Structure formats: structure tokens, C-alpha cells
């Protein structure tokens, strides 16, 4: 196995695993995630509860697609890029606005929840880099088969 193949596999495992974990943790406590979403103060009240239930399902779907469904890996990866760019935008706004809060990115009591909005922003920047790496290097063999 080549170094690139190993690095792609590791990136898929990390990013797919993190998004799957994050989605599951949010679904376990949707009220806490709803509260976190409301804390950003940018969403209409009527959309918060549906988003608190729907977003984790989307995260789980994309995470599993990247991890374990070869036919959906590229779509899952593109979906993760879209999610991450949205998260980065919201977290950047929150950081600039001086909001000091936990994003509940990994659920309310997760050991991965640290650093407030700045920590979440850094995590998302690292993940978008990994996902971009997957888009650039993770599908070369799939392109050759097409």
C-alpha cells in the first residue's frame, strides 16, 4: 500500500468517524444542540428544532458514506466540504462577534468539546483541509475506472 493510499484511508477514518460520532452525540441530546444553535442568535426560532434533528442525520449519512460506502464516498466528501464551509462561516462570525460559547459540535458532554468557538473554528479548518485532501487525492482510482 502506498503512502498516499494510507493517508487517504486515515483521513477518511478520521473525518468520517468524527462526523458520524458528532451526529450520533447530537441525536442523543437534541435539546442541548437546539440550545446551542439558538445561542448563535442567527437562525429563526422556527427552524432551530428541525435543524437540531436534521443536521445530525445528515452528518451521520455523510460520515458513513465517506467511511464505508464506496459508491457514495465522493458525494459524502462533497457534502462534508459544504457542511464544514458553513460551520466555518458561522464560527468565524461568532468569533468576530465575541461570542464565548461551546458549539456542541460533538454533543453537550463530549471530551472533544473544548476551546469554545475558536477551538471549534480551528477543528473545522483542520477537517476542511483533510476533506479537501480527500477530494484531491482520494478518488484518482475511481476516476480511472469511469
Foldseek 3Di string as FASTA:
>chain_A
DDPLVVLLLVLLCVQLVLLLQQLVQLQVPLVVLLVLVVLLVPDDNVCSSVCSNPVSVLSNVLSCLCNPNVVCNLVSLVVLLVVLVVLLVSLVVCVVVVPFAFNCSNHDDDPQTDDGSVSVNVVSVVSNVSSVSCNVRVCPVVVVVD
